[in-house]
Amino acid sequence: MKKTDRLSKIKRMRSWGNWSMGIGILSMYTGYAFFAGYLDFIPLLGPLLKGSYAFMTLLLIIGFLLTMGATVLFMISGMVSTSAPQVECPSCKKVTKMLGKEDACMFCGQPLKLEDEQPQQNHT
């Protein structure tokens, strides 16, 4: 079973982007469905919001902003991913990318630390 208690930073960014994209598209479809009357079977809300331009516009704007935010997240994660150093995970032996000094393996969730190449010298 795969560990999900610790995700890598790049994977976490992509997950936020996926959820944001899905919720944005779902909210846009919901706004149109209420406006067109497809959801009339919902008591109280269905008949009340049928033909409501304001509610449909509000949900379309919210969905558009969430979708654009997801696009920006995917763009940032892609740009960051190209310059991230690659290390080999000690537990699963796969090559993974790291952001910052501490991160987790993208495949198994193993916590990883990036150690400096040059050891500290004592000036005594």
N, C-alpha and C. Protein backbone atom coordinates (compact mmCIF):
# COMPACT_ATOMS: atom_id res chain seq x y z
N MET A 1 0.84 -1.18 0.00
CA MET A 1 0.00 0.00 0.00
C MET A 1 0.88 1.24 0.00
N LYS A 2 0.51 2.21 -0.78
CA LYS A 2 1.33 3.41 -0.94
C LYS A 2 1.11 4.38 0.23
N LYS A 3 2.21 4.96 0.71
CA LYS A 3 2.11 5.95 1.78
C LYS A 3 1.59 7.26 1.21
N THR A 4 0.58 7.82 1.83
CA THR A 4 0.06 9.11 1.38
C THR A 4 0.17 10.17 2.47
N ASP A 5 0.86 9.83 3.57
CA ASP A 5 0.98 10.80 4.65
C ASP A 5 1.98 11.90 4.32
N ARG A 6 2.87 11.66 3.39
CA ARG A 6 3.86 12.67 3.02
C ARG A 6 3.97 12.70 1.49
N LEU A 7 3.62 13.84 0.90
CA LEU A 7 3.71 14.01 -0.55
C LEU A 7 4.84 14.97 -0.87
N SER A 8 5.43 14.80 -2.03
CA SER A 8 6.46 15.74 -2.45
C SER A 8 5.80 17.08 -2.77
N LYS A 9 6.59 18.14 -2.75
CA LYS A 9 6.05 19.48 -2.95
C LYS A 9 5.51 19.67 -4.36
N ILE A 10 6.17 19.10 -5.34
CA ILE A 10 5.69 19.22 -6.72
C ILE A 10 4.38 18.46 -6.88
N LYS A 11 4.30 17.28 -6.30
CA LYS A 11 3.08 16.47 -6.39
C LYS A 11 1.92 17.16 -5.66
N ARG A 12 2.22 17.80 -4.54
CA ARG A 12 1.20 18.53 -3.79
C ARG A 12 0.66 19.71 -4.61
N MET A 13 1.57 20.42 -5.31
CA MET A 13 1.15 21.53 -6.15
C MET A 13 0.25 21.05 -7.29
N ARG A 14 0.62 19.94 -7.90
CA ARG A 14 -0.19 19.39 -8.99
C ARG A 14 -1.54 18.90 -8.49
N SER A 15 -1.59 18.34 -7.28
CA SER A 15 -2.86 17.90 -6.72
C SER A 15 -3.80 19.08 -6.48
N TRP A 16 -3.25 20.18 -5.94
CA TRP A 16 -4.06 21.39 -5.75
C TRP A 16 -4.58 21.89 -7.09
N GLY A 17 -3.74 21.84 -8.12
CA GLY A 17 -4.16 22.26 -9.45
C GLY A 17 -5.28 21.39 -10.00
N ASN A 18 -5.16 20.07 -9.82
CA ASN A 18 -6.20 19.16 -10.30
C ASN A 18 -7.53 19.39 -9.60
N TRP A 19 -7.49 19.51 -8.27
CA TRP A 19 -8.72 19.75 -7.52
C TRP A 19 -9.34 21.09 -7.89
N SER A 20 -8.51 22.10 -8.04
CA SER A 20 -9.01 23.43 -8.41
C SER A 20 -9.65 23.41 -9.79
N MET A 21 -9.04 22.72 -10.72
CA MET A 21 -9.59 22.60 -12.07
C MET A 21 -10.94 21.87 -12.04
N GLY A 22 -11.02 20.78 -11.33
CA GLY A 22 -12.26 20.01 -11.26
C GLY A 22 -13.39 20.78 -10.61
N ILE A 23 -13.09 21.45 -9.49
CA ILE A 23 -14.12 22.22 -8.80
C ILE A 23 -14.57 23.41 -9.64
N GLY A 24 -13.63 24.03 -10.36
CA GLY A 24 -13.99 25.15 -11.23
C GLY A 24 -14.91 24.74 -12.35
N ILE A 25 -14.60 23.65 -13.02
CA ILE A 25 -15.44 23.18 -14.12
C ILE A 25 -16.80 22.72 -13.59
N LEU A 26 -16.81 22.04 -12.45
CA LEU A 26 -18.06 21.59 -11.85
C LEU A 26 -18.95 22.77 -11.46
N SER A 27 -18.36 23.83 -10.92
CA SER A 27 -19.17 25.00 -10.55
C SER A 27 -19.75 25.69 -11.78
N MET A 28 -18.99 25.73 -12.87
CA MET A 28 -19.52 26.34 -14.10
C MET A 28 -20.70 25.53 -14.64
N TYR A 29 -20.58 24.21 -14.67
CA TYR A 29 -21.68 23.37 -15.13
C TYR A 29 -22.89 23.48 -14.21
N THR A 30 -22.65 23.58 -12.90
CA THR A 30 -23.75 23.71 -11.95
C THR A 30 -24.50 25.02 -12.17
N GLY A 31 -23.77 26.09 -12.40
CA GLY A 31 -24.42 27.38 -12.67
C GLY A 31 -25.30 27.32 -13.90
N TYR A 32 -24.82 26.69 -14.95
CA TYR A 32 -25.63 26.57 -16.17
C TYR A 32 -26.82 25.64 -15.95
N ALA A 33 -26.61 24.54 -15.20
CA ALA A 33 -27.69 23.58 -14.99
C ALA A 33 -28.84 24.21 -14.19
N PHE A 34 -28.52 25.03 -13.19
CA PHE A 34 -29.58 25.72 -12.46
C PHE A 34 -30.29 26.72 -13.37
N PHE A 35 -29.53 27.45 -14.18
CA PHE A 35 -30.11 28.46 -15.06
C PHE A 35 -31.05 27.82 -16.09
N ALA A 36 -30.64 26.71 -16.67
CA ALA A 36 -31.42 26.07 -17.73
C ALA A 36 -32.60 25.28 -17.18
N GLY A 37 -32.63 25.04 -15.89
CA GLY A 37 -33.76 24.33 -15.31
C GLY A 37 -33.56 22.83 -15.23
N TYR A 38 -32.34 22.35 -15.42
CA TYR A 38 -32.09 20.92 -15.33
C TYR A 38 -32.17 20.41 -13.90
N LEU A 39 -32.04 21.30 -12.94
CA LEU A 39 -32.05 20.90 -11.53
C LEU A 39 -33.32 21.37 -10.84
N ASP A 40 -34.45 21.33 -11.56
CA ASP A 40 -35.74 21.73 -10.98
C ASP A 40 -36.22 20.77 -9.91
N PHE A 41 -35.72 19.54 -9.92
CA PHE A 41 -36.18 18.53 -8.96
C PHE A 41 -35.68 18.82 -7.55
N ILE A 42 -34.69 19.71 -7.38
CA ILE A 42 -34.20 20.05 -6.05
C ILE A 42 -35.23 20.98 -5.40
N PRO A 43 -35.80 20.55 -4.27
CA PRO A 43 -36.85 21.38 -3.67
C PRO A 43 -36.29 22.72 -3.19
N LEU A 44 -37.00 23.75 -3.36
CA LEU A 44 -36.70 25.11 -2.94
C LEU A 44 -35.66 25.81 -3.81
N LEU A 45 -34.51 25.19 -4.04
CA LEU A 45 -33.46 25.86 -4.84
C LEU A 45 -33.70 25.77 -6.33
N GLY A 46 -34.16 24.63 -6.81
CA GLY A 46 -34.34 24.44 -8.25
C GLY A 46 -35.25 25.47 -8.89
N PRO A 47 -36.49 25.58 -8.43
CA PRO A 47 -37.39 26.57 -9.04
C PRO A 47 -36.96 28.01 -8.76
N LEU A 48 -36.32 28.24 -7.63
CA LEU A 48 -35.92 29.60 -7.27
C LEU A 48 -34.80 30.11 -8.17
N LEU A 49 -33.83 29.24 -8.52
CA LEU A 49 -32.67 29.67 -9.30
C LEU A 49 -32.82 29.44 -10.80
N LYS A 50 -33.97 28.90 -11.23
CA LYS A 50 -34.19 28.69 -12.66
C LYS A 50 -34.29 30.04 -13.36
N GLY A 51 -33.44 30.23 -14.35
CA GLY A 51 -33.44 31.48 -15.11
C GLY A 51 -32.74 32.64 -14.40
N SER A 52 -32.01 32.37 -13.33
CA SER A 52 -31.32 33.43 -12.59
C SER A 52 -29.98 33.74 -13.25
N TYR A 53 -29.93 34.89 -13.91
CA TYR A 53 -28.69 35.32 -14.56
C TYR A 53 -27.59 35.62 -13.54
N ALA A 54 -27.97 36.18 -12.39
CA ALA A 54 -26.98 36.57 -11.39
C ALA A 54 -26.27 35.35 -10.81
N PHE A 55 -27.04 34.31 -10.47
CA PHE A 55 -26.45 33.11 -9.89
C PHE A 55 -25.57 32.40 -10.90
N MET A 56 -26.06 32.30 -12.15
CA MET A 56 -25.27 31.65 -13.18
C MET A 56 -23.97 32.42 -13.42
N THR A 57 -24.06 33.74 -13.50
CA THR A 57 -22.86 34.55 -13.72
C THR A 57 -21.88 34.41 -12.58
N LEU A 58 -22.38 34.39 -11.35
CA LEU A 58 -21.51 34.24 -10.18
C LEU A 58 -20.76 32.91 -10.24
N LEU A 59 -21.47 31.81 -10.52
CA LEU A 59 -20.80 30.51 -10.57
C LEU A 59 -19.85 30.41 -11.76
N LEU A 60 -20.20 31.04 -12.88
CA LEU A 60 -19.30 31.01 -14.03
C LEU A 60 -18.02 31.78 -13.74
N ILE A 61 -18.12 32.90 -13.05
CA ILE A 61 -16.93 33.68 -12.71
C ILE A 61 -16.07 32.93 -11.70
N ILE A 62 -16.70 32.34 -10.67
CA ILE A 62 -15.94 31.56 -9.68
C ILE A 62 -15.24 30.39 -10.36
N GLY A 63 -15.95 29.68 -11.23
CA GLY A 63 -15.36 28.55 -11.94
C GLY A 63 -14.22 28.97 -12.85
N PHE A 64 -14.40 30.10 -13.53
CA PHE A 64 -13.34 30.61 -14.41
C PHE A 64 -12.10 30.97 -13.61
N LEU A 65 -12.28 31.64 -12.47
CA LEU A 65 -11.13 32.02 -11.65
C LEU A 65 -10.41 30.78 -11.09
N LEU A 66 -11.17 29.78 -10.67
CA LEU A 66 -10.53 28.55 -10.18
C LEU A 66 -9.78 27.84 -11.29
N THR A 67 -10.34 27.82 -12.49
CA THR A 67 -9.67 27.16 -13.61
C THR A 67 -8.40 27.92 -14.01
N MET A 68 -8.45 29.23 -14.01
CA MET A 68 -7.25 30.02 -14.33
C MET A 68 -6.19 29.87 -13.24
N GLY A 69 -6.64 29.81 -11.98
CA GLY A 69 -5.70 29.57 -10.88
C GLY A 69 -5.01 28.23 -11.02
N ALA A 70 -5.77 27.20 -11.43
CA ALA A 70 -5.17 25.88 -11.65
C ALA A 70 -4.17 25.92 -12.79
N THR A 71 -4.47 26.69 -13.84
CA THR A 71 -3.54 26.81 -14.95
C THR A 71 -2.24 27.45 -14.49
N VAL A 72 -2.34 28.47 -13.66
CA VAL A 72 -1.13 29.12 -13.12
C VAL A 72 -0.35 28.14 -12.24
N LEU A 73 -1.06 27.37 -11.42
CA LEU A 73 -0.37 26.37 -10.58
C LEU A 73 0.37 25.34 -11.42
N PHE A 74 -0.27 24.85 -12.48
CA PHE A 74 0.40 23.89 -13.35
C PHE A 74 1.60 24.51 -14.04
N MET A 75 1.49 25.78 -14.44
CA MET A 75 2.61 26.47 -15.08
C MET A 75 3.78 26.61 -14.11
N ILE A 76 3.49 27.02 -12.88
CA ILE A 76 4.54 27.20 -11.88
C ILE A 76 5.19 25.86 -11.54
N SER A 77 4.37 24.82 -11.35
CA SER A 77 4.96 23.52 -11.01
C SER A 77 5.80 22.97 -12.16
N GLY A 78 5.43 23.26 -13.38
CA GLY A 78 6.23 22.83 -14.52
C GLY A 78 7.55 23.56 -14.61
N MET A 79 7.52 24.88 -14.37
CA MET A 79 8.77 25.66 -14.42
C MET A 79 9.70 25.27 -13.29
N VAL A 80 9.14 25.05 -12.09
CA VAL A 80 9.96 24.67 -10.95
C VAL A 80 10.52 23.27 -11.13
N SER A 81 9.74 22.40 -11.74
CA SER A 81 10.16 21.01 -11.93
C SER A 81 11.36 20.89 -12.88
N THR A 82 11.47 21.81 -13.84
CA THR A 82 12.59 21.71 -14.78
C THR A 82 13.92 22.06 -14.14
N SER A 83 13.90 22.89 -13.10
CA SER A 83 15.16 23.30 -12.47
C SER A 83 15.42 22.59 -11.14
N ALA A 84 14.56 21.67 -10.75
CA ALA A 84 14.74 20.97 -9.48
C ALA A 84 15.84 19.91 -9.61
N PRO A 85 16.69 19.79 -8.57
CA PRO A 85 17.74 18.75 -8.63
C PRO A 85 17.13 17.35 -8.51
N GLN A 86 17.73 16.41 -9.21
CA GLN A 86 17.26 15.03 -9.17
C GLN A 86 18.14 14.21 -8.23
N VAL A 87 17.50 13.46 -7.37
CA VAL A 87 18.21 12.58 -6.43
C VAL A 87 17.60 11.19 -6.51
N GLU A 88 18.36 10.20 -6.07
CA GLU A 88 17.86 8.83 -6.03
C GLU A 88 17.32 8.54 -4.64
N CYS A 89 16.11 8.05 -4.58
CA CYS A 89 15.50 7.71 -3.31
C CYS A 89 16.17 6.48 -2.73
N PRO A 90 16.56 6.51 -1.44
CA PRO A 90 17.24 5.34 -0.86
C PRO A 90 16.31 4.14 -0.65
N SER A 91 15.01 4.35 -0.52
CA SER A 91 14.14 3.20 -0.26
C SER A 91 13.60 2.55 -1.53
N CYS A 92 13.17 3.35 -2.53
CA CYS A 92 12.60 2.73 -3.74
C CYS A 92 13.56 2.76 -4.93
N LYS A 93 14.70 3.41 -4.78
CA LYS A 93 15.76 3.47 -5.80
C LYS A 93 15.32 4.12 -7.11
N LYS A 94 14.26 4.97 -7.06
CA LYS A 94 13.84 5.70 -8.25
C LYS A 94 14.37 7.12 -8.17
N VAL A 95 14.58 7.73 -9.32
CA VAL A 95 15.07 9.10 -9.37
C VAL A 95 13.87 10.04 -9.19
N THR A 96 13.98 10.94 -8.23
CA THR A 96 12.92 11.89 -7.93
C THR A 96 13.47 13.30 -7.88
N LYS A 97 12.60 14.29 -7.99
CA LYS A 97 13.03 15.69 -7.95
C LYS A 97 12.72 16.27 -6.58
N MET A 98 13.61 17.17 -6.14
CA MET A 98 13.44 17.79 -4.83
C MET A 98 13.33 19.29 -4.95
N LEU A 99 12.44 19.86 -4.15
CA LEU A 99 12.35 21.31 -4.02
C LEU A 99 12.81 21.68 -2.63
N GLY A 100 13.77 22.56 -2.53
CA GLY A 100 14.28 22.98 -1.24
C GLY A 100 15.24 21.96 -0.65
N LYS A 101 15.54 22.13 0.64
CA LYS A 101 16.48 21.25 1.33
C LYS A 101 15.82 19.95 1.79
N GLU A 102 14.50 20.01 2.09
CA GLU A 102 13.79 18.83 2.55
C GLU A 102 12.56 18.62 1.69
N ASP A 103 12.33 17.39 1.30
CA ASP A 103 11.18 17.05 0.48
C ASP A 103 10.89 15.57 0.68
N ALA A 104 9.93 15.05 -0.05
CA ALA A 104 9.60 13.62 0.00
C ALA A 104 9.73 13.03 -1.39
N CYS A 105 9.93 11.74 -1.43
CA CYS A 105 10.01 11.03 -2.71
C CYS A 105 8.64 11.09 -3.39
N MET A 106 8.63 11.33 -4.71
CA MET A 106 7.37 11.40 -5.45
C MET A 106 6.68 10.04 -5.55
N PHE A 107 7.43 8.97 -5.40
CA PHE A 107 6.89 7.64 -5.63
C PHE A 107 6.50 6.91 -4.35
N CYS A 108 7.36 6.98 -3.32
CA CYS A 108 7.08 6.21 -2.10
C CYS A 108 6.81 7.08 -0.88
N GLY A 109 7.06 8.38 -0.95
CA GLY A 109 6.79 9.26 0.18
C GLY A 109 7.90 9.30 1.22
N GLN A 110 9.03 8.70 0.95
CA GLN A 110 10.16 8.69 1.88
C GLN A 110 10.67 10.11 2.09
N PRO A 111 10.79 10.59 3.34
CA PRO A 111 11.37 11.92 3.57
C PRO A 111 12.83 11.96 3.12
N LEU A 112 13.20 12.99 2.38
CA LEU A 112 14.56 13.14 1.86
C LEU A 112 15.13 14.47 2.29
N LYS A 113 16.43 14.51 2.47
CA LYS A 113 17.15 15.75 2.76
C LYS A 113 18.26 15.92 1.76
N LEU A 114 18.40 17.14 1.24
CA LEU A 114 19.47 17.46 0.30
C LEU A 114 20.65 17.98 1.11
N GLU A 115 21.75 17.26 1.06
CA GLU A 115 22.93 17.65 1.83
C GLU A 115 23.85 18.47 0.97
N ASP A 116 24.52 19.44 1.59
CA ASP A 116 25.47 20.28 0.86
C ASP A 116 26.64 19.45 0.38
N GLU A 117 27.13 19.78 -0.81
CA GLU A 117 28.28 19.06 -1.38
C GLU A 117 29.58 19.41 -0.67
N GLN A 118 29.70 20.65 -0.17
CA GLN A 118 30.92 21.09 0.46
C GLN A 118 30.75 21.05 1.98
N PRO A 119 31.58 20.28 2.69
CA PRO A 119 31.46 20.24 4.15
C PRO A 119 31.88 21.56 4.78
N GLN A 120 31.30 21.86 5.93
CA GLN A 120 31.65 23.08 6.64
C GLN A 120 33.05 22.96 7.20
N GLN A 121 33.82 24.04 7.08
CA GLN A 121 35.19 24.06 7.61
C GLN A 121 35.23 24.89 8.88
N ASN A 122 35.94 24.39 9.87
CA ASN A 122 36.12 25.13 11.12
C ASN A 122 37.28 26.08 10.99
N HIS A 123 37.08 27.34 11.32
CA HIS A 123 38.15 28.35 11.27
C HIS A 123 38.67 28.61 12.67
N THR A 124 39.46 27.68 13.22
CA THR A 124 40.01 27.87 14.58
C THR A 124 41.50 27.98 14.55
